[in-house]
C-alpha atoms as a PDB file:
ATOM      1  CA  MET A   1      12.210 -16.837  31.175  1.00  0.00           C
ATOM      2  CA  LEU A   2       9.072 -15.651  29.380  1.00  0.00           C
ATOM      3  CA  SER A   3       7.790 -12.136  29.569  1.00  0.00           C
ATOM      4  CA  ALA A   4       5.040 -10.096  27.911  1.00  0.00           C
ATOM      5  CA  ASN A   5       4.563  -6.435  27.409  1.00  0.00           C
ATOM      6  CA  ALA A   6       0.742  -6.827  27.115  1.00  0.00           C
ATOM      7  CA  THR A   7      -1.897  -9.175  28.495  1.00  0.00           C
ATOM      8  CA  ALA A   8      -1.141 -12.686  27.346  1.00  0.00           C
ATOM      9  CA  THR A   9      -2.672 -16.134  27.770  1.00  0.00           C
ATOM     10  CA  LEU A  10      -0.135 -18.841  28.138  1.00  0.00           C
ATOM     11  CA  TYR A  11      -1.393 -22.406  27.928  1.00  0.00           C
ATOM     12  CA  TYR A  12       1.461 -24.700  28.858  1.00  0.00           C
ATOM     13  CA  ASP A  13       2.276 -28.035  30.345  1.00  0.00           C
ATOM     14  CA  VAL A  14      -0.227 -29.980  28.309  1.00  0.00           C
ATOM     15  CA  ASN A  15       1.868 -32.991  27.357  1.00  0.00           C
ATOM     16  CA  ASP A  16       2.210 -36.698  26.972  1.00  0.00           C
ATOM     17  CA  THR A  17       3.198 -37.396  30.597  1.00  0.00           C
ATOM     18  CA  PRO A  18      -0.113 -39.142  31.654  1.00  0.00           C
ATOM     19  CA  LEU A  19       0.369 -41.711  28.877  1.00  0.00           C
ATOM     20  CA  LEU A  20       4.050 -42.247  29.702  1.00  0.00           C
ATOM     21  CA  THR A  21       3.171 -42.624  33.416  1.00  0.00           C
ATOM     22  CA  TYR A  22       0.471 -45.147  32.603  1.00  0.00           C
ATOM     23  CA  LEU A  23       2.932 -47.158  30.436  1.00  0.00           C
ATOM     24  CA  GLY A  24       5.562 -46.990  33.134  1.00  0.00           C
ATOM     25  CA  ALA A  25       7.794 -45.189  30.653  1.00  0.00           C
ATOM     26  CA  THR A  26      10.095 -42.196  30.814  1.00  0.00           C
ATOM     27  CA  GLY A  27      11.426 -39.854  28.182  1.00  0.00           C
ATOM     28  CA  VAL A  28      15.066 -40.640  27.731  1.00  0.00           C
ATOM     29  CA  ASN A  29      15.961 -38.610  24.609  1.00  0.00           C
ATOM     30  CA  ALA A  30      14.271 -35.397  23.400  1.00  0.00           C
ATOM     31  CA  ARG A  31      12.413 -36.319  20.229  1.00  0.00           C
ATOM     32  CA  PHE A  32      11.328 -32.850  19.156  1.00  0.00           C
ATOM     33  CA  ALA A  33      11.331 -29.219  20.210  1.00  0.00           C
ATOM     34  CA  PRO A  34       8.043 -27.561  21.271  1.00  0.00           C
ATOM     35  CA  THR A  35       6.426 -25.206  18.718  1.00  0.00           C
ATOM     36  CA  LEU A  36       5.405 -21.671  19.626  1.00  0.00           C
ATOM     37  CA  TYR A  37       2.251 -20.360  17.982  1.00  0.00           C
ATOM     38  CA  PRO A  38       2.196 -16.572  18.297  1.00  0.00           C
ATOM     39  CA  ALA A  39      -1.435 -15.320  18.549  1.00  0.00           C
ATOM     40  CA  ALA A  40      -1.052 -12.866  15.706  1.00  0.00           C
ATOM     41  CA  GLN A  41       0.296 -15.613  13.324  1.00  0.00           C
ATOM     42  CA  ALA A  42      -2.371 -18.124  14.323  1.00  0.00           C
ATOM     43  CA  GLN A  43      -5.162 -15.572  13.934  1.00  0.00           C
ATOM     44  CA  ALA A  44      -3.814 -14.517  10.469  1.00  0.00           C
ATOM     45  CA  GLU A  45      -3.780 -18.116   9.308  1.00  0.00           C
ATOM     46  CA  LEU A  46      -7.260 -18.715  10.600  1.00  0.00           C
ATOM     47  CA  SER A  47      -8.455 -15.480   8.909  1.00  0.00           C
ATOM     48  CA  ARG A  48      -6.800 -16.520   5.657  1.00  0.00           C
ATOM     49  CA  VAL A  49      -8.618 -19.926   5.754  1.00  0.00           C
ATOM     50  CA  SER A  50     -11.905 -18.424   6.783  1.00  0.00           C
ATOM     51  CA  ASP A  51     -11.802 -16.001   3.810  1.00  0.00           C
ATOM     52  CA  GLU A  52     -11.566 -18.811   1.242  1.00  0.00           C
ATOM     53  CA  PRO A  53     -14.689 -19.747  -0.752  1.00  0.00           C
ATOM     54  CA  ASN A  54     -16.932 -22.360   1.022  1.00  0.00           C
ATOM     55  CA  ALA A  55     -14.729 -22.292   4.111  1.00  0.00           C
ATOM     56  CA  GLY A  56     -17.588 -22.985   6.483  1.00  0.00           C
ATOM     57  CA  GLN A  57     -18.523 -26.165   4.652  1.00  0.00           C
ATOM     58  CA  ARG A  58     -15.128 -27.945   5.081  1.00  0.00           C
ATOM     59  CA  ASN A  59     -15.302 -28.821   8.757  1.00  0.00           C
ATOM     60  CA  ARG A  60     -17.934 -29.545  11.375  1.00  0.00           C
ATOM     61  CA  ILE A  61     -16.669 -26.693  13.559  1.00  0.00           C
ATOM     62  CA  SER A  62     -17.091 -24.378  10.629  1.00  0.00           C
ATOM     63  CA  ILE A  63     -13.634 -22.893  10.225  1.00  0.00           C
ATOM     64  CA  SER A  64     -10.406 -24.195  11.727  1.00  0.00           C
ATOM     65  CA  VAL A  65      -6.711 -24.791  11.335  1.00  0.00           C
ATOM     66  CA  LEU A  66      -4.616 -27.698  12.708  1.00  0.00           C
ATOM     67  CA  MET A  67      -1.512 -26.508  14.597  1.00  0.00           C
ATOM     68  CA  GLY A  68       1.149 -29.171  14.047  1.00  0.00           C
ATOM     69  CA  ASN A  69       4.822 -29.611  14.726  1.00  0.00           C
ATOM     70  CA  ALA A  70       7.166 -29.972  11.712  1.00  0.00           C
ATOM     71  CA  ASN A  71       8.454 -33.157  13.295  1.00  0.00           C
ATOM     72  CA  PHE A  72       5.084 -34.974  12.824  1.00  0.00           C
ATOM     73  CA  PRO A  73       4.011 -34.495   9.131  1.00  0.00           C
ATOM     74  CA  GLN A  74       2.073 -37.737   8.980  1.00  0.00           C
ATOM     75  CA  THR A  75      -0.124 -37.184  11.973  1.00  0.00           C
ATOM     76  CA  ARG A  76      -0.082 -33.342  11.957  1.00  0.00           C
ATOM     77  CA  THR A  77       0.152 -33.258  15.757  1.00  0.00           C
ATOM     78  CA  VAL A  78       2.044 -31.128  18.176  1.00  0.00           C
ATOM     79  CA  THR A  79       3.543 -34.127  20.046  1.00  0.00           C
ATOM     80  CA  HIS A  80       3.614 -37.765  19.263  1.00  0.00           C
ATOM     81  CA  VAL A  81       0.067 -38.028  20.830  1.00  0.00           C
ATOM     82  CA  LEU A  82      -1.552 -34.601  21.047  1.00  0.00           C
ATOM     83  CA  TRP A  83      -3.546 -32.885  18.301  1.00  0.00           C
ATOM     84  CA  VAL A  84      -4.399 -29.134  18.513  1.00  0.00           C
ATOM     85  CA  MET A  85      -6.893 -27.095  16.467  1.00  0.00           C
ATOM     86  CA  PHE A  86      -7.672 -23.335  16.412  1.00  0.00           C
ATOM     87  CA  GLY A  87     -11.265 -22.823  15.431  1.00  0.00           C
ATOM     88  CA  ILE A  88     -14.028 -20.360  15.030  1.00  0.00           C
ATOM     89  CA  VAL A  89     -17.685 -21.003  15.847  1.00  0.00           C
ATOM     90  CA  PRO A  90     -19.212 -18.273  13.625  1.00  0.00           C
ATOM     91  CA  PRO A  91     -21.975 -15.975  14.825  1.00  0.00           C
ATOM     92  CA  ASN A  92     -25.508 -17.388  15.136  1.00  0.00           C
ATOM     93  CA  SER A  93     -24.392 -20.878  14.256  1.00  0.00           C
ATOM     94  CA  THR A  94     -24.407 -24.442  15.614  1.00  0.00           C
ATOM     95  CA  GLN A  95     -21.744 -27.071  15.215  1.00  0.00           C
ATOM     96  CA  LYS A  96     -23.992 -30.189  15.083  1.00  0.00           C
ATOM     97  CA  SER A  97     -23.605 -33.084  17.491  1.00  0.00           C
ATOM     98  CA  HIS A  98     -20.566 -35.286  17.049  1.00  0.00           C
ATOM     99  CA  ARG A  99     -18.414 -37.617  19.095  1.00  0.00           C
ATOM    100  CA  HIS A 100     -14.913 -39.232  19.014  1.00  0.00           C
ATOM    101  CA  GLN A 101     -12.866 -41.506  21.232  1.00  0.00           C
ATOM    102  CA  SER A 102     -10.261 -38.897  22.001  1.00  0.00           C
ATOM    103  CA  ILE A 103     -10.579 -36.822  25.098  1.00  0.00           C
ATOM    104  CA  ALA A 104     -10.817 -33.057  24.413  1.00  0.00           C
ATOM    105  CA  LEU A 105      -9.358 -30.343  26.646  1.00  0.00           C
ATOM    106  CA  ASP A 106     -11.124 -27.295  25.188  1.00  0.00           C
ATOM    107  CA  PHE A 107      -9.609 -23.848  25.816  1.00  0.00           C
ATOM    108  CA  ILE A 108     -11.816 -20.907  25.095  1.00  0.00           C
ATOM    109  CA  ALA A 109      -9.657 -18.350  23.404  1.00  0.00           C
ATOM    110  CA  GLY A 110     -12.521 -15.805  22.916  1.00  0.00           C
ATOM    111  CA  GLY A 111     -16.280 -15.426  22.947  1.00  0.00           C
ATOM    112  CA  ASN A 112     -19.137 -13.490  24.533  1.00  0.00           C
ATOM    113  CA  PRO A 113     -22.024 -14.712  26.752  1.00  0.00           C
ATOM    114  CA  GLY A 114     -24.344 -16.844  24.510  1.00  0.00           C
ATOM    115  CA  VAL A 115     -21.751 -19.301  23.414  1.00  0.00           C
ATOM    116  CA  TYR A 116     -21.932 -22.780  24.970  1.00  0.00           C
ATOM    117  CA  THR A 117     -21.371 -26.499  24.504  1.00  0.00           C
ATOM    118  CA  LEU A 118     -23.927 -29.236  25.160  1.00  0.00           C
ATOM    119  CA  ALA A 119     -22.583 -32.668  26.003  1.00  0.00           C
ATOM    120  CA  GLY A 120     -24.141 -36.082  26.880  1.00  0.00           C
ATOM    121  CA  THR A 121     -23.971 -39.836  26.272  1.00  0.00           C
ATOM    122  CA  GLU A 122     -27.045 -40.305  24.011  1.00  0.00           C
ATOM    123  CA  LEU A 123     -28.871 -38.801  21.091  1.00  0.00           C
ATOM    124  CA  ASP A 124     -32.587 -38.817  20.482  1.00  0.00           C
ATOM    125  CA  GLU A 125     -34.226 -39.755  17.112  1.00  0.00           C
ATOM    126  CA  LYS A 126     -33.703 -36.125  15.807  1.00  0.00           C
ATOM    127  CA  GLY A 127     -30.036 -36.196  16.588  1.00  0.00           C
ATOM    128  CA  ASP A 128     -30.249 -33.956  19.632  1.00  0.00           C
ATOM    129  CA  ILE A 129     -28.343 -34.765  22.838  1.00  0.00           C
ATOM    130  CA  VAL A 130     -30.523 -36.366  25.552  1.00  0.00           C
ATOM    131  CA  ASN A 131     -30.228 -34.741  29.003  1.00  0.00           C
ATOM    132  CA  PRO A 132     -27.190 -32.713  28.024  1.00  0.00           C
ATOM    133  CA  THR A 133     -24.726 -30.923  30.394  1.00  0.00           C
ATOM    134  CA  ARG A 134     -24.423 -27.245  29.340  1.00  0.00           C
ATOM    135  CA  VAL A 135     -21.073 -25.532  29.529  1.00  0.00           C
ATOM    136  CA  ASP A 136     -21.237 -21.720  29.049  1.00  0.00           C
ATOM    137  CA  TRP A 137     -18.041 -20.403  27.513  1.00  0.00           C
ATOM    138  CA  GLU A 138     -15.911 -17.688  29.128  1.00  0.00           C
ATOM    139  CA  THR A 139     -12.749 -16.429  27.573  1.00  0.00           C
ATOM    140  CA  GLY A 140      -9.753 -18.062  29.236  1.00  0.00           C
ATOM    141  CA  MET A 141     -11.659 -21.086  30.681  1.00  0.00           C
ATOM    142  CA  THR A 142     -10.976 -24.712  29.916  1.00  0.00           C
ATOM    143  CA  PHE A 143     -13.394 -27.655  30.055  1.00  0.00           C
ATOM    144  CA  VAL A 144     -13.099 -31.398  29.305  1.00  0.00           C
ATOM    145  CA  THR A 145     -15.219 -33.289  26.780  1.00  0.00           C
ATOM    146  CA  PRO A 146     -14.959 -36.950  27.733  1.00  0.00           C
ATOM    147  CA  PRO A 147     -14.182 -39.545  25.066  1.00  0.00           C
ATOM    148  CA  GLY A 148     -17.335 -40.988  23.476  1.00  0.00           C
ATOM    149  CA  TYR A 149     -19.598 -38.137  24.561  1.00  0.00           C
ATOM    150  CA  TRP A 150     -21.853 -36.473  21.983  1.00  0.00           C
ATOM    151  CA  HIS A 151     -21.250 -32.766  21.996  1.00  0.00           C
ATOM    152  CA  ALA A 152     -22.376 -29.696  20.029  1.00  0.00           C
ATOM    153  CA  HIS A 153     -21.164 -26.066  20.095  1.00  0.00           C
ATOM    154  CA  PHE A 154     -23.649 -23.088  19.854  1.00  0.00           C
ATOM    155  CA  ASN A 155     -22.897 -19.461  19.196  1.00  0.00           C
ATOM    156  CA  GLU A 156     -25.992 -17.346  19.682  1.00  0.00           C
ATOM    157  CA  THR A 157     -24.199 -14.086  19.482  1.00  0.00           C
ATOM    158  CA  ASN A 158     -23.255 -11.734  16.606  1.00  0.00           C
ATOM    159  CA  GLU A 159     -19.487 -12.252  17.199  1.00  0.00           C
ATOM    160  CA  ASN A 160     -17.045 -15.075  16.333  1.00  0.00           C
ATOM    161  CA  ALA A 161     -16.164 -17.456  19.245  1.00  0.00           C
ATOM    162  CA  TYR A 162     -12.711 -19.112  19.314  1.00  0.00           C
ATOM    163  CA  VAL A 163     -11.806 -22.473  20.712  1.00  0.00           C
ATOM    164  CA  ILE A 164      -8.509 -24.405  20.874  1.00  0.00           C
ATOM    165  CA  PRO A 165      -9.264 -28.106  21.514  1.00  0.00           C
ATOM    166  CA  ILE A 166      -6.307 -30.197  22.573  1.00  0.00           C
ATOM    167  CA  GLN A 167      -6.859 -33.952  22.106  1.00  0.00           C
ATOM    168  CA  ASP A 168      -5.118 -37.239  22.245  1.00  0.00           C
ATOM    169  CA  ALA A 169      -6.475 -37.640  18.631  1.00  0.00           C
ATOM    170  CA  GLY A 170      -2.999 -38.199  17.331  1.00  0.00           C
ATOM    171  CA  LEU A 171      -2.732 -41.383  19.318  1.00  0.00           C
ATOM    172  CA  GLN A 172      -6.214 -42.446  18.496  1.00  0.00           C
ATOM    173  CA  THR A 173      -5.702 -41.756  14.820  1.00  0.00           C
ATOM    174  CA  TRP A 174      -2.488 -43.752  14.773  1.00  0.00           C
ATOM    175  CA  LEU A 175      -4.261 -46.646  16.544  1.00  0.00           C
ATOM    176  CA  ARG A 176      -7.187 -46.230  14.077  1.00  0.00           C
ATOM    177  CA  ALA A 177      -9.488 -45.904  17.061  1.00  0.00           C
ATOM    178  CA  LEU A 178     -10.594 -42.197  16.813  1.00  0.00           C
ATOM    179  CA  ASP A 179     -14.042 -43.334  15.541  1.00  0.00           C
ATOM    180  CA  ILE A 180     -15.480 -39.908  14.874  1.00  0.00           C
ATOM    181  CA  ARG A 181     -19.232 -39.821  14.255  1.00  0.00           C
ATOM    182  CA  PHE A 182     -21.680 -37.166  13.362  1.00  0.00           C
ATOM    183  CA  ALA A 183     -25.322 -36.889  14.087  1.00  0.00           C
ATOM    184  CA  ARG A 184     -27.175 -36.832  10.735  1.00  0.00           C
END
């Protein structure tokens, strides 16, 4: 039984069951043990990475760390299929439009009003999303970015915003079908 002596956010039961169900398969033997990512440790690693020179120029979401399971060194995933990232959208910044064929279940780990995502199926000639759907971030919420949708994250505040996307990118990468694309 889990317990906490302070306010805690527990995000559990995100697993490979939908794929197994679709395939008509069942898990017979445990192939790995789940990995626990204590918030303080994850935040410390993210801070370490963000303090490195040119950190904001390494990734389209500015600063992030992949959270993998030691059993999957090749794919750097948390299960055979699922990929997890812990990222910052820095103050007064935009992560430009991009898309991929993995579905994203985005958990908002922190942020103030003024942080949002725009998503849609098309880009205009300037690389902006045509007729986007806007999702305003609230700490503790989760939203889905469908596969193939263009999306961009905006932080119009003076504070960092934190997101934990969980994607089937491990499977898509293994199949060589992730097809990540960036607008300009």
